[in-house]
Amino acid sequence: MKLKILPSLPRLLPVILLTGTLYTLPAPAAHANIFGDLYRGMEQFSELPDQVNDLQESYHQTVDELERTKNELGQTMDELDNTKNQLEAYHSENTSLQEQNRQLTVMIDELRDERAARESYIHRLKVTSLTGLGLVAGYFILTRVIRLGMRSRSKRGDRLH
């Protein structure tokens, strides 16, 4: 018989220890005031509707706050979409303005080249006209000097003869 109990002893040992521990713990003191407990229970039970009302009010406030937050989030998303659209419009406008700026730069360079060519042409015209006037004036002066030289020779030649 000892042999049959011996294999189950390791399983029974924790149960025996737990039962012994429970018997050694102090038991809570018994209350003999049944009417006081009944009154407190009724009092707590009567406070339940107020607590339920408070919970419902808190729930409604939370729902209202959630709805306001939801509306604010919708407005913020709409504003974000508007801002995104404005940013895209600014980006396309910026691209267009950069293209116009490039075209204006090309046009300014062309105008600058044309102005330089025109100034060069005007300078050549001035040099050519002044050279022509100088040649004409030199021609008249040279012819006058030659005539004077010829007259003075002819007057000397007339005196010598």
Protein backbone atom coordinates (compact mmCIF):
# COMPACT_ATOMS: atom_id res chain seq x y z
CA MET A 1 0.00 0.00 0.00
CA LYS A 2 2.86 2.28 0.63
CA LEU A 3 3.88 1.83 -2.91
CA LYS A 4 0.63 3.20 -4.31
CA ILE A 5 0.76 6.46 -2.31
CA LEU A 6 4.42 7.10 -2.93
CA PRO A 7 4.12 7.92 -6.68
CA SER A 8 1.22 10.36 -6.12
CA LEU A 9 2.94 12.10 -3.19
CA PRO A 10 4.71 14.73 -5.37
CA ARG A 11 1.31 15.76 -6.74
CA LEU A 12 -0.35 15.87 -3.35
CA LEU A 13 2.41 17.78 -1.61
CA PRO A 14 1.58 21.23 -3.13
CA VAL A 15 -2.11 20.74 -2.31
CA ILE A 16 -1.27 19.88 1.27
CA LEU A 17 1.05 22.87 1.63
CA LEU A 18 -1.55 25.25 0.16
CA THR A 19 -4.26 23.99 2.47
CA GLY A 20 -1.99 24.35 5.48
CA THR A 21 -1.04 27.88 4.48
CA LEU A 22 -4.68 28.93 4.09
CA TYR A 23 -5.51 27.66 7.60
CA THR A 24 -2.64 29.58 9.14
CA LEU A 25 -3.56 32.96 7.59
CA PRO A 26 -5.67 35.24 9.77
CA ALA A 27 -9.33 35.34 8.81
CA PRO A 28 -11.04 38.71 8.24
CA ALA A 29 -13.12 39.90 11.17
CA ALA A 30 -16.84 39.24 10.86
CA HIS A 31 -19.23 42.18 10.86
CA ALA A 32 -22.36 41.85 12.83
CA ASN A 33 -23.82 45.17 11.58
CA ILE A 34 -26.13 43.88 8.86
CA PHE A 35 -28.34 46.98 8.85
CA GLY A 36 -25.32 49.27 8.36
CA ASP A 37 -24.15 47.16 5.46
CA LEU A 38 -27.65 47.15 4.00
CA TYR A 39 -27.85 50.95 4.36
CA ARG A 40 -24.47 51.46 2.70
CA GLY A 41 -25.45 49.10 -0.11
CA MET A 42 -28.75 50.99 -0.63
CA GLU A 43 -26.87 54.29 -0.53
CA GLN A 44 -24.41 53.10 -3.16
CA PHE A 45 -27.30 51.73 -5.21
CA SER A 46 -29.12 55.09 -5.02
CA GLU A 47 -25.97 56.87 -6.22
CA LEU A 48 -25.74 54.68 -9.33
CA PRO A 49 -28.21 56.75 -11.44
CA ASP A 50 -26.19 59.91 -10.70
CA GLN A 51 -23.01 58.12 -11.68
CA VAL A 52 -24.71 56.81 -14.82
CA ASN A 53 -25.88 60.36 -15.64
CA ASP A 54 -22.36 61.67 -15.05
CA LEU A 55 -20.96 58.96 -17.28
CA GLN A 56 -23.54 59.74 -19.99
CA GLU A 57 -22.78 63.46 -19.77
CA SER A 58 -19.06 62.72 -19.95
CA TYR A 59 -19.72 60.43 -22.92
CA HIS A 60 -21.73 63.14 -24.71
CA GLN A 61 -18.99 65.69 -24.01
CA THR A 62 -16.41 63.30 -25.39
CA VAL A 63 -18.56 62.66 -28.48
CA ASP A 64 -19.00 66.44 -28.96
CA GLU A 65 -15.27 67.02 -28.60
CA LEU A 66 -14.61 64.18 -31.02
CA GLU A 67 -17.05 65.71 -33.52
CA ARG A 68 -15.41 69.15 -33.14
CA THR A 69 -11.99 67.59 -33.58
CA LYS A 70 -13.27 65.71 -36.64
CA ASN A 71 -14.65 68.97 -38.12
CA GLU A 72 -11.40 70.80 -37.36
CA LEU A 73 -9.45 67.98 -38.97
CA GLY A 74 -11.69 68.21 -42.06
CA GLN A 75 -11.15 71.97 -42.21
CA THR A 76 -7.42 71.51 -41.76
CA MET A 77 -7.36 68.94 -44.57
CA ASP A 78 -9.32 71.34 -46.81
CA GLU A 79 -6.86 74.12 -45.98
CA LEU A 80 -3.99 71.72 -46.68
CA ASP A 81 -5.51 70.87 -50.07
CA ASN A 82 -5.94 74.59 -50.83
CA THR A 83 -2.36 75.25 -49.79
CA LYS A 84 -1.17 72.34 -51.93
CA ASN A 85 -3.11 73.69 -54.93
CA GLN A 86 -1.68 77.17 -54.34
CA LEU A 87 1.81 75.70 -54.09
CA GLU A 88 1.33 73.87 -57.38
CA ALA A 89 0.00 77.08 -58.98
CA TYR A 90 3.00 79.01 -57.63
CA HIS A 91 5.32 76.32 -58.93
CA SER A 92 3.83 76.45 -62.43
CA GLU A 93 3.84 80.27 -62.33
CA ASN A 94 7.46 80.21 -61.18
CA THR A 95 8.35 77.87 -64.06
CA SER A 96 6.56 80.18 -66.50
CA LEU A 97 8.31 83.24 -65.06
CA GLN A 98 11.69 81.50 -65.28
CA GLU A 99 11.02 80.77 -68.97
CA GLN A 100 10.02 84.40 -69.54
CA ASN A 101 13.14 85.53 -67.70
CA ARG A 102 15.27 83.31 -69.93
CA GLN A 103 13.58 84.71 -73.05
CA LEU A 104 14.07 88.27 -71.79
CA THR A 105 17.73 87.56 -71.09
CA VAL A 106 18.16 86.25 -74.64
CA MET A 107 16.33 89.31 -76.00
CA ILE A 108 18.49 91.67 -73.92
CA ASP A 109 21.64 89.95 -75.19
CA GLU A 110 20.41 90.29 -78.78
CA LEU A 111 19.58 93.97 -78.24
CA ARG A 112 22.98 94.55 -76.65
CA ASP A 113 24.67 92.89 -79.66
CA GLU A 114 22.57 94.96 -82.06
CA ARG A 115 23.43 98.14 -80.16
CA ALA A 116 27.14 97.29 -80.25
CA ALA A 117 26.89 96.58 -84.00
CA ARG A 118 25.01 99.86 -84.54
CA GLU A 119 27.59 101.82 -82.52
CA SER A 120 30.38 100.15 -84.50
CA TYR A 121 28.59 101.05 -87.77
CA ILE A 122 28.09 104.67 -86.62
CA HIS A 123 31.73 104.87 -85.60
CA ARG A 124 32.81 103.60 -89.06
CA LEU A 125 30.46 106.13 -90.70
CA LYS A 126 31.97 108.93 -88.63
CA VAL A 127 35.50 107.83 -89.44
CA THR A 128 34.62 107.44 -93.13
CA SER A 129 32.83 110.81 -93.34
CA LEU A 130 35.61 112.61 -91.45
CA THR A 131 38.17 110.95 -93.68
CA GLY A 132 36.18 112.02 -96.75
CA LEU A 133 35.83 115.58 -95.45
CA GLY A 134 39.54 115.59 -94.64
CA LEU A 135 40.36 114.38 -98.17
CA VAL A 136 38.07 116.99 -99.76
CA ALA A 137 39.50 119.74 -97.55
CA GLY A 138 43.01 118.47 -98.25
CA TYR A 139 42.24 118.46 -101.96
CA PHE A 140 41.05 122.07 -101.89
CA ILE A 141 43.94 123.17 -99.73
CA LEU A 142 46.41 121.27 -101.89
CA THR A 143 44.98 122.76 -105.08
CA ARG A 144 45.13 126.22 -103.57
CA VAL A 145 48.71 125.69 -102.48
CA ILE A 146 49.64 124.37 -105.93
CA ARG A 147 47.92 127.34 -107.59
CA LEU A 148 49.67 129.76 -105.32
CA GLY A 149 52.91 128.00 -106.00
CA MET A 150 52.27 128.10 -109.72
CA ARG A 151 51.29 131.79 -109.62
CA SER A 152 54.33 132.69 -107.70
CA ARG A 153 56.51 130.80 -110.18
CA SER A 154 54.75 132.31 -113.05
CA LYS A 155 55.24 135.77 -111.56
CA ARG A 156 58.90 135.04 -111.07
CA GLY A 157 59.08 133.64 -114.53
CA ASP A 158 57.51 136.81 -115.88
CA ARG A 159 60.05 138.90 -114.06
CA LEU A 160 62.88 136.90 -115.35
CA HIS A 161 61.83 137.28 -118.87
